[in-house]
């Protein structure tokens, strides 16, 4: 859930954008955004994704099944990286820094 919703109960378009970003990260990582210490993962997926981004190890976030059959396909890897970057943009802590939903969808549809 978006930090502003957890802190203040505010449901806004930017909270929806945050949730969309979480969904994108869940698809790429092949895991849920768990926060429970009793879960398989102790850090939330969003926290882990941002740590990998800051360390330059974002590919470690990828679900291995995504690249299993196309490991040498650089284009596929670039597409997955683009989805991760959009997910990270959507899950920024400050709502004002997140793109609008239409902008996020536009970025997702964009072909380079």
Foldseek 3Di string as FASTA:
>chain_A
DAPCCVVPVDDDQLVVLLVVLQVLLCVFQVHHQDCDCPDPDPHGSLVVCVVCVVVVNNVVSGDCVQCVVPVVPVVSVVLSVQSNVLSNLSNDNDSVSHDGPVVSVVSNPDDD
